[in-house]
C-alpha atoms as a PDB file:
ATOM      1  CA  UNK A   1     151.205 219.279 242.443  1.00  0.00           C
ATOM      2  CA  UNK A   2     149.313 222.554 244.343  1.00  0.00           C
ATOM      3  CA  UNK A   3     150.286 224.493 246.914  1.00  0.00           C
ATOM      4  CA  UNK A   4     147.546 224.168 249.571  1.00  0.00           C
ATOM      5  CA  UNK A   5     145.848 227.193 248.329  1.00  0.00           C
ATOM      6  CA  UNK A   6     145.534 226.059 244.883  1.00  0.00           C
ATOM      7  CA  UNK A   7     144.803 223.055 246.688  1.00  0.00           C
ATOM      8  CA  UNK A   8     142.034 224.402 249.345  1.00  0.00           C
ATOM      9  CA  UNK A   9     140.354 226.507 246.217  1.00  0.00           C
ATOM     10  CA  UNK A  10     140.179 223.768 243.739  1.00  0.00           C
ATOM     11  CA  UNK A  11     138.395 221.031 245.965  1.00  0.00           C
ATOM     12  CA  UNK A  12     136.138 224.202 247.668  1.00  0.00           C
ATOM     13  CA  UNK A  13     135.248 225.310 243.963  1.00  0.00           C
ATOM     14  CA  UNK A  14     134.470 221.079 242.815  1.00  0.00           C
ATOM     15  CA  UNK A  15     132.423 220.488 247.036  1.00  0.00           C
ATOM     16  CA  UNK A  16     130.122 223.760 246.270  1.00  0.00           C
ATOM     17  CA  UNK A  17     129.419 222.171 242.750  1.00  0.00           C
ATOM     18  CA  UNK A  18     127.993 219.097 244.863  1.00  0.00           C
ATOM     19  CA  UNK A  19     130.989 217.053 242.613  1.00  0.00           C
ATOM     20  CA  UNK A  20     131.330 213.806 243.658  1.00  0.00           C
ATOM     21  CA  UNK A  21     135.804 213.495 244.562  1.00  0.00           C
ATOM     22  CA  UNK A  22     137.584 210.791 244.248  1.00  0.00           C
ATOM     23  CA  UNK A  23     141.360 210.228 244.512  1.00  0.00           C
ATOM     24  CA  UNK A  24     143.275 207.940 243.288  1.00  0.00           C
ATOM     25  CA  UNK A  25     146.431 206.699 244.996  1.00  0.00           C
ATOM     26  CA  UNK A  26     149.612 203.552 244.854  1.00  0.00           C
ATOM     27  CA  UNK A  27     151.107 204.572 248.091  1.00  0.00           C
ATOM     28  CA  UNK A  28     149.419 207.780 250.153  1.00  0.00           C
ATOM     29  CA  UNK A  29     152.308 209.847 250.156  1.00  0.00           C
ATOM     30  CA  UNK A  30     152.027 213.323 252.192  1.00  0.00           C
ATOM     31  CA  UNK A  31     151.203 215.370 249.225  1.00  0.00           C
ATOM     32  CA  UNK A  32     147.805 213.102 248.877  1.00  0.00           C
ATOM     33  CA  UNK A  33     147.381 213.369 253.010  1.00  0.00           C
ATOM     34  CA  UNK A  34     147.133 216.606 252.562  1.00  0.00           C
ATOM     35  CA  UNK A  35     144.260 216.152 249.813  1.00  0.00           C
ATOM     36  CA  UNK A  36     142.695 213.817 251.541  1.00  0.00           C
ATOM     37  CA  UNK A  37     142.531 216.481 254.475  1.00  0.00           C
ATOM     38  CA  UNK A  38     141.745 219.210 252.637  1.00  0.00           C
ATOM     39  CA  UNK A  39     138.591 217.113 250.879  1.00  0.00           C
ATOM     40  CA  UNK A  40     137.405 216.053 254.802  1.00  0.00           C
ATOM     41  CA  UNK A  41     137.470 219.527 255.525  1.00  0.00           C
ATOM     42  CA  UNK A  42     135.977 220.939 252.441  1.00  0.00           C
ATOM     43  CA  UNK A  43     132.864 219.160 252.546  1.00  0.00           C
ATOM     44  CA  UNK A  44     132.234 219.076 256.480  1.00  0.00           C
ATOM     45  CA  UNK A  45     132.613 223.021 255.968  1.00  0.00           C
ATOM     46  CA  UNK A  46     130.335 223.227 253.336  1.00  0.00           C
ATOM     47  CA  UNK A  47     127.756 222.110 255.884  1.00  0.00           C
ATOM     48  CA  UNK A  48     129.071 223.384 258.660  1.00  0.00           C
ATOM     49  CA  UNK A  49     130.102 219.981 260.817  1.00  0.00           C
ATOM     50  CA  UNK A  50     134.121 221.007 261.281  1.00  0.00           C
ATOM     51  CA  UNK A  51     133.292 219.269 264.855  1.00  0.00           C
ATOM     52  CA  UNK A  52     133.673 215.650 262.637  1.00  0.00           C
ATOM     53  CA  UNK A  53     136.834 216.979 260.754  1.00  0.00           C
ATOM     54  CA  UNK A  54     139.103 214.676 262.671  1.00  0.00           C
ATOM     55  CA  UNK A  55     137.215 211.254 262.883  1.00  0.00           C
ATOM     56  CA  UNK A  56     136.682 211.913 259.174  1.00  0.00           C
ATOM     57  CA  UNK A  57     140.573 211.780 257.932  1.00  0.00           C
ATOM     58  CA  UNK A  58     142.003 209.865 260.420  1.00  0.00           C
ATOM     59  CA  UNK A  59     139.712 207.623 259.358  1.00  0.00           C
ATOM     60  CA  UNK A  60     139.260 207.648 255.674  1.00  0.00           C
ATOM     61  CA  UNK A  61     143.527 207.817 256.106  1.00  0.00           C
ATOM     62  CA  UNK A  62     143.188 204.498 258.014  1.00  0.00           C
ATOM     63  CA  UNK A  63     141.614 203.277 255.560  1.00  0.00           C
ATOM     64  CA  UNK A  64     143.420 203.558 252.211  1.00  0.00           C
ATOM     65  CA  UNK A  65     146.397 203.152 254.751  1.00  0.00           C
ATOM     66  CA  UNK A  66     144.642 198.881 255.372  1.00  0.00           C
ATOM     67  CA  UNK A  67     143.375 199.234 251.501  1.00  0.00           C
ATOM     68  CA  UNK A  68     147.591 199.284 250.551  1.00  0.00           C
ATOM     69  CA  UNK A  69     148.290 196.729 252.711  1.00  0.00           C
ATOM     70  CA  UNK A  70     146.099 194.585 251.067  1.00  0.00           C
ATOM     71  CA  UNK A  71     147.632 195.277 247.898  1.00  0.00           C
ATOM     72  CA  UNK A  72     151.497 194.632 249.276  1.00  0.00           C
ATOM     73  CA  UNK A  73     149.708 190.964 250.732  1.00  0.00           C
ATOM     74  CA  UNK A  74     148.935 190.670 247.033  1.00  0.00           C
ATOM     75  CA  UNK A  75     152.378 191.557 245.513  1.00  0.00           C
ATOM     76  CA  UNK A  76     153.787 189.061 248.286  1.00  0.00           C
ATOM     77  CA  UNK A  77     151.447 186.530 247.152  1.00  0.00           C
ATOM     78  CA  UNK A  78     152.557 186.771 243.725  1.00  0.00           C
ATOM     79  CA  UNK A  79     155.645 186.967 244.416  1.00  0.00           C
ATOM     80  CA  UNK A  80     156.388 183.927 246.424  1.00  0.00           C
ATOM     81  CA  UNK A  81     154.064 181.950 243.858  1.00  0.00           C
ATOM     82  CA  UNK A  82     152.094 181.344 246.682  1.00  0.00           C
ATOM     83  CA  UNK A  83     148.149 179.927 246.382  1.00  0.00           C
ATOM     84  CA  UNK A  84     145.969 181.315 248.603  1.00  0.00           C
ATOM     85  CA  UNK A  85     143.805 178.516 248.786  1.00  0.00           C
ATOM     86  CA  UNK A  86     145.651 176.288 250.335  1.00  0.00           C
ATOM     87  CA  UNK A  87     145.789 177.245 254.069  1.00  0.00           C
ATOM     88  CA  UNK A  88     149.722 176.328 254.857  1.00  0.00           C
ATOM     89  CA  UNK A  89     150.310 178.636 251.760  1.00  0.00           C
ATOM     90  CA  UNK A  90     148.166 181.092 252.919  1.00  0.00           C
ATOM     91  CA  UNK A  91     149.577 181.570 256.498  1.00  0.00           C
ATOM     92  CA  UNK A  92     152.790 181.712 255.246  1.00  0.00           C
ATOM     93  CA  UNK A  93     152.066 184.110 252.991  1.00  0.00           C
ATOM     94  CA  UNK A  94     150.313 185.810 255.833  1.00  0.00           C
ATOM     95  CA  UNK A  95     153.955 185.323 258.265  1.00  0.00           C
ATOM     96  CA  UNK A  96     155.905 187.209 254.520  1.00  0.00           C
ATOM     97  CA  UNK A  97     153.116 189.763 255.440  1.00  0.00           C
ATOM     98  CA  UNK A  98     153.483 190.402 258.853  1.00  0.00           C
ATOM     99  CA  UNK A  99     156.633 190.877 258.684  1.00  0.00           C
ATOM    100  CA  UNK A 100     156.873 193.163 256.052  1.00  0.00           C
ATOM    101  CA  UNK A 101     154.542 196.401 257.233  1.00  0.00           C
ATOM    102  CA  UNK A 102     157.221 198.537 257.881  1.00  0.00           C
ATOM    103  CA  UNK A 103     156.906 202.143 255.547  1.00  0.00           C
ATOM    104  CA  UNK A 104     159.922 202.129 253.900  1.00  0.00           C
ATOM    105  CA  UNK A 105     158.845 198.314 252.987  1.00  0.00           C
ATOM    106  CA  UNK A 106     155.554 199.346 252.153  1.00  0.00           C
ATOM    107  CA  UNK A 107     156.589 202.247 249.841  1.00  0.00           C
ATOM    108  CA  UNK A 108     159.864 200.439 248.671  1.00  0.00           C
ATOM    109  CA  UNK A 109     156.256 198.383 246.614  1.00  0.00           C
ATOM    110  CA  UNK A 110     154.946 201.139 245.026  1.00  0.00           C
ATOM    111  CA  UNK A 111     156.502 200.361 241.907  1.00  0.00           C
ATOM    112  CA  UNK A 112     154.975 196.426 241.838  1.00  0.00           C
ATOM    113  CA  UNK A 113     151.530 198.597 243.400  1.00  0.00           C
ATOM    114  CA  UNK A 114     151.610 200.518 239.594  1.00  0.00           C
ATOM    115  CA  UNK A 115     152.790 197.169 237.284  1.00  0.00           C
ATOM    116  CA  UNK A 116     150.199 195.429 238.947  1.00  0.00           C
ATOM    117  CA  UNK A 117     147.390 198.193 238.519  1.00  0.00           C
ATOM    118  CA  UNK A 118     146.766 197.998 242.478  1.00  0.00           C
ATOM    119  CA  UNK A 119     144.793 201.307 242.755  1.00  0.00           C
ATOM    120  CA  UNK A 120     143.431 202.437 245.824  1.00  0.00           C
ATOM    121  CA  UNK A 121     140.530 204.133 245.006  1.00  0.00           C
ATOM    122  CA  UNK A 122     138.735 206.792 248.288  1.00  0.00           C
ATOM    123  CA  UNK A 123     135.268 208.473 247.004  1.00  0.00           C
ATOM    124  CA  UNK A 124     133.342 210.797 248.888  1.00  0.00           C
ATOM    125  CA  UNK A 125     129.641 210.777 248.471  1.00  0.00           C
ATOM    126  CA  UNK A 126     127.887 213.781 250.409  1.00  0.00           C
ATOM    127  CA  UNK A 127     124.431 215.680 250.974  1.00  0.00           C
ATOM    128  CA  UNK A 128     123.479 217.825 253.399  1.00  0.00           C
ATOM    129  CA  UNK A 129     122.219 215.494 255.599  1.00  0.00           C
ATOM    130  CA  UNK A 130     125.109 212.450 255.250  1.00  0.00           C
ATOM    131  CA  UNK A 131     129.066 211.787 254.080  1.00  0.00           C
ATOM    132  CA  UNK A 132     129.824 208.660 252.463  1.00  0.00           C
ATOM    133  CA  UNK A 133     133.234 207.520 252.229  1.00  0.00           C
ATOM    134  CA  UNK A 134     133.715 203.962 249.507  1.00  0.00           C
ATOM    135  CA  UNK A 135     137.868 202.778 250.003  1.00  0.00           C
ATOM    136  CA  UNK A 136     138.062 200.649 247.521  1.00  0.00           C
ATOM    137  CA  UNK A 137     140.551 197.672 246.194  1.00  0.00           C
ATOM    138  CA  UNK A 138     140.126 196.398 242.465  1.00  0.00           C
ATOM    139  CA  UNK A 139     140.098 193.236 243.476  1.00  0.00           C
ATOM    140  CA  UNK A 140     137.290 190.641 245.459  1.00  0.00           C
ATOM    141  CA  UNK A 141     139.432 189.109 248.287  1.00  0.00           C
ATOM    142  CA  UNK A 142     140.699 185.518 248.402  1.00  0.00           C
ATOM    143  CA  UNK A 143     137.704 182.708 250.218  1.00  0.00           C
ATOM    144  CA  UNK A 144     140.688 181.760 253.460  1.00  0.00           C
ATOM    145  CA  UNK A 145     141.379 186.002 253.392  1.00  0.00           C
ATOM    146  CA  UNK A 146     137.327 187.110 253.572  1.00  0.00           C
ATOM    147  CA  UNK A 147     136.331 184.135 256.290  1.00  0.00           C
ATOM    148  CA  UNK A 148     139.744 185.448 258.270  1.00  0.00           C
ATOM    149  CA  UNK A 149     138.732 189.616 257.301  1.00  0.00           C
ATOM    150  CA  UNK A 150     135.240 189.173 258.320  1.00  0.00           C
ATOM    151  CA  UNK A 151     136.040 187.713 261.725  1.00  0.00           C
ATOM    152  CA  UNK A 152     138.538 190.308 262.617  1.00  0.00           C
ATOM    153  CA  UNK A 153     135.827 193.025 261.839  1.00  0.00           C
ATOM    154  CA  UNK A 154     133.523 191.481 264.151  1.00  0.00           C
ATOM    155  CA  UNK A 155     136.148 191.680 266.706  1.00  0.00           C
ATOM    156  CA  UNK A 156     136.439 194.974 265.753  1.00  0.00           C
ATOM    157  CA  UNK A 157     133.875 196.538 266.239  1.00  0.00           C
ATOM    158  CA  UNK A 158     133.861 194.833 269.936  1.00  0.00           C
ATOM    159  CA  UNK A 159     136.482 197.242 271.274  1.00  0.00           C
ATOM    160  CA  UNK A 160     135.628 199.887 273.446  1.00  0.00           C
ATOM    161  CA  UNK A 161     139.236 201.681 273.564  1.00  0.00           C
ATOM    162  CA  UNK A 162     142.557 200.528 271.455  1.00  0.00           C
ATOM    163  CA  UNK A 163     143.770 199.611 275.493  1.00  0.00           C
ATOM    164  CA  UNK A 164     141.005 196.123 274.979  1.00  0.00           C
ATOM    165  CA  UNK A 165     142.754 195.306 271.987  1.00  0.00           C
ATOM    166  CA  UNK A 166     145.861 195.584 272.921  1.00  0.00           C
ATOM    167  CA  UNK A 167     145.603 194.057 276.167  1.00  0.00           C
ATOM    168  CA  UNK A 168     144.120 190.941 273.700  1.00  0.00           C
ATOM    169  CA  UNK A 169     146.292 190.975 270.318  1.00  0.00           C
ATOM    170  CA  UNK A 170     149.320 192.443 272.291  1.00  0.00           C
ATOM    171  CA  UNK A 171     152.258 192.124 269.850  1.00  0.00           C
ATOM    172  CA  UNK A 172     150.197 190.318 266.919  1.00  0.00           C
ATOM    173  CA  UNK A 173     148.018 193.729 266.651  1.00  0.00           C
ATOM    174  CA  UNK A 174     149.136 194.501 262.762  1.00  0.00           C
ATOM    175  CA  UNK A 175     148.128 191.676 261.692  1.00  0.00           C
ATOM    176  CA  UNK A 176     144.884 191.226 264.640  1.00  0.00           C
ATOM    177  CA  UNK A 177     142.981 193.875 262.407  1.00  0.00           C
ATOM    178  CA  UNK A 178     144.958 197.478 264.174  1.00  0.00           C
ATOM    179  CA  UNK A 179     143.262 199.380 261.737  1.00  0.00           C
ATOM    180  CA  UNK A 180     139.387 198.325 261.542  1.00  0.00           C
ATOM    181  CA  UNK A 181     139.774 198.828 265.320  1.00  0.00           C
ATOM    182  CA  UNK A 182     140.448 202.029 265.371  1.00  0.00           C
ATOM    183  CA  UNK A 183     137.839 203.376 262.973  1.00  0.00           C
ATOM    184  CA  UNK A 184     135.248 201.484 264.982  1.00  0.00           C
ATOM    185  CA  UNK A 185     136.705 202.949 267.926  1.00  0.00           C
ATOM    186  CA  UNK A 186     137.187 206.759 266.041  1.00  0.00           C
ATOM    187  CA  UNK A 187     132.954 206.358 265.589  1.00  0.00           C
ATOM    188  CA  UNK A 188     132.091 204.988 268.958  1.00  0.00           C
ATOM    189  CA  UNK A 189     133.921 207.597 270.717  1.00  0.00           C
ATOM    190  CA  UNK A 190     132.222 210.445 267.887  1.00  0.00           C
ATOM    191  CA  UNK A 191     128.892 208.854 269.058  1.00  0.00           C
ATOM    192  CA  UNK A 192     128.578 207.387 265.872  1.00  0.00           C
ATOM    193  CA  UNK A 193     126.916 203.626 265.718  1.00  0.00           C
ATOM    194  CA  UNK A 194     129.551 201.383 264.446  1.00  0.00           C
ATOM    195  CA  UNK A 195     127.380 199.907 262.094  1.00  0.00           C
ATOM    196  CA  UNK A 196     127.922 202.503 260.154  1.00  0.00           C
ATOM    197  CA  UNK A 197     131.602 201.136 259.226  1.00  0.00           C
ATOM    198  CA  UNK A 198     130.836 198.030 256.820  1.00  0.00           C
ATOM    199  CA  UNK A 199     133.060 195.760 254.676  1.00  0.00           C
ATOM    200  CA  UNK A 200     132.127 193.632 252.005  1.00  0.00           C
ATOM    201  CA  UNK A 201     133.881 192.057 248.469  1.00  0.00           C
ATOM    202  CA  UNK A 202     132.178 191.922 245.484  1.00  0.00           C
ATOM    203  CA  UNK A 203     133.488 189.610 242.672  1.00  0.00           C
ATOM    204  CA  UNK A 204     131.130 190.917 239.965  1.00  0.00           C
ATOM    205  CA  UNK A 205     133.017 193.680 239.679  1.00  0.00           C
ATOM    206  CA  UNK A 206     135.846 192.341 240.725  1.00  0.00           C
ATOM    207  CA  UNK A 207     136.654 195.298 244.375  1.00  0.00           C
ATOM    208  CA  UNK A 208     137.070 195.056 247.804  1.00  0.00           C
ATOM    209  CA  UNK A 209     135.781 198.285 249.716  1.00  0.00           C
ATOM    210  CA  UNK A 210     134.978 199.806 253.082  1.00  0.00           C
ATOM    211  CA  UNK A 211     132.386 202.238 253.620  1.00  0.00           C
ATOM    212  CA  UNK A 212     132.266 205.032 256.535  1.00  0.00           C
ATOM    213  CA  UNK A 213     128.054 207.101 256.656  1.00  0.00           C
ATOM    214  CA  UNK A 214     128.618 209.888 258.648  1.00  0.00           C
ATOM    215  CA  UNK A 215     125.892 211.426 259.497  1.00  0.00           C
ATOM    216  CA  UNK A 216     125.969 215.490 259.413  1.00  0.00           C
ATOM    217  CA  UNK A 217     122.475 215.712 260.315  1.00  0.00           C
ATOM    218  CA  UNK A 218     119.675 214.690 263.067  1.00  0.00           C
ATOM    219  CA  UNK A 219     117.241 214.278 260.674  1.00  0.00           C
ATOM    220  CA  UNK A 220     119.588 211.385 258.479  1.00  0.00           C
ATOM    221  CA  UNK A 221     118.573 208.084 259.464  1.00  0.00           C
ATOM    222  CA  UNK A 222     121.275 206.035 258.542  1.00  0.00           C
ATOM    223  CA  UNK A 223     121.017 203.262 256.362  1.00  0.00           C
ATOM    224  CA  UNK A 224     120.548 200.257 258.080  1.00  0.00           C
ATOM    225  CA  UNK A 225     117.721 202.005 260.140  1.00  0.00           C
ATOM    226  CA  UNK A 226     115.904 202.882 256.541  1.00  0.00           C
ATOM    227  CA  UNK A 227     116.436 198.984 256.050  1.00  0.00           C
ATOM    228  CA  UNK A 228     115.417 197.762 258.920  1.00  0.00           C
ATOM    229  CA  UNK A 229     112.042 199.729 258.653  1.00  0.00           C
ATOM    230  CA  UNK A 230     111.427 199.142 254.853  1.00  0.00           C
ATOM    231  CA  UNK A 231     111.809 194.965 255.785  1.00  0.00           C
ATOM    232  CA  UNK A 232     109.481 195.998 258.245  1.00  0.00           C
ATOM    233  CA  UNK A 233     106.620 197.928 256.130  1.00  0.00           C
ATOM    234  CA  UNK A 234     106.980 195.285 252.913  1.00  0.00           C
ATOM    235  CA  UNK A 235     107.350 192.186 254.668  1.00  0.00           C
ATOM    236  CA  UNK A 236     109.775 191.115 251.721  1.00  0.00           C
ATOM    237  CA  UNK A 237     112.496 188.699 253.088  1.00  0.00           C
ATOM    238  CA  UNK A 238     115.535 190.357 253.419  1.00  0.00           C
ATOM    239  CA  UNK A 239     117.944 188.955 251.106  1.00  0.00           C
ATOM    240  CA  UNK A 240     115.137 189.827 248.583  1.00  0.00           C
ATOM    241  CA  UNK A 241     115.278 192.856 249.490  1.00  0.00           C
ATOM    242  CA  UNK A 242     118.208 193.833 249.853  1.00  0.00           C
ATOM    243  CA  UNK A 243     118.242 193.342 245.349  1.00  0.00           C
ATOM    244  CA  UNK A 244     115.805 196.725 245.117  1.00  0.00           C
ATOM    245  CA  UNK A 245     116.445 198.929 247.626  1.00  0.00           C
ATOM    246  CA  UNK A 246     117.754 201.961 247.356  1.00  0.00           C
ATOM    247  CA  UNK A 247     119.165 203.758 250.359  1.00  0.00           C
ATOM    248  CA  UNK A 248     117.804 208.323 250.830  1.00  0.00           C
ATOM    249  CA  UNK A 249     120.726 209.968 251.167  1.00  0.00           C
END
């Protein structure tokens, strides 16, 4: 492990070269938090946007923690020999999962995460105009899991404050998408379009990923807007355009 001073120097040098930076973890330790924090700080400092540091670091950390919980869910289903394709078994696994969300329990599963190769990877891609953060698990979602998570994701982006969320979900918050909601609210309160936060599962690449698009300049046109303008220009069906669309960073 590096000292804070050495860590800052190493990451600053990498950012100065424009390198893509990735952090891989089984469980986000205090040292991992410092790496995540310094990575966000170095990138934003390079482009004169340290005003965004709190939102970027807090959101990235929340997504890493959320992805770690997804890994915990995989271990629980495996340990209890539960079939996620069966609704009643999925519900049983989810109940065990909700009762296992204390930090000491999650940390206690670190060895199993290693044994089952359940990594969380956070990657920072950036230019003077935009910072993209991708946090991924190395597995696609179960069909039932994807249905429920997409529902939670839509709900998460609909809340204006955590108070609204708690009034809606009460004590079920940990199982109702608290992490996703926090990220959506953080973006909204910073004036960043909530649609800059996306979530997808890909069977081809065997991954599930959350992605943040943080504009760094006023001139930057978000991917969603770029896609809409390209759609209007080409008149292609949306499904066809998605296969060839390449946004400008």
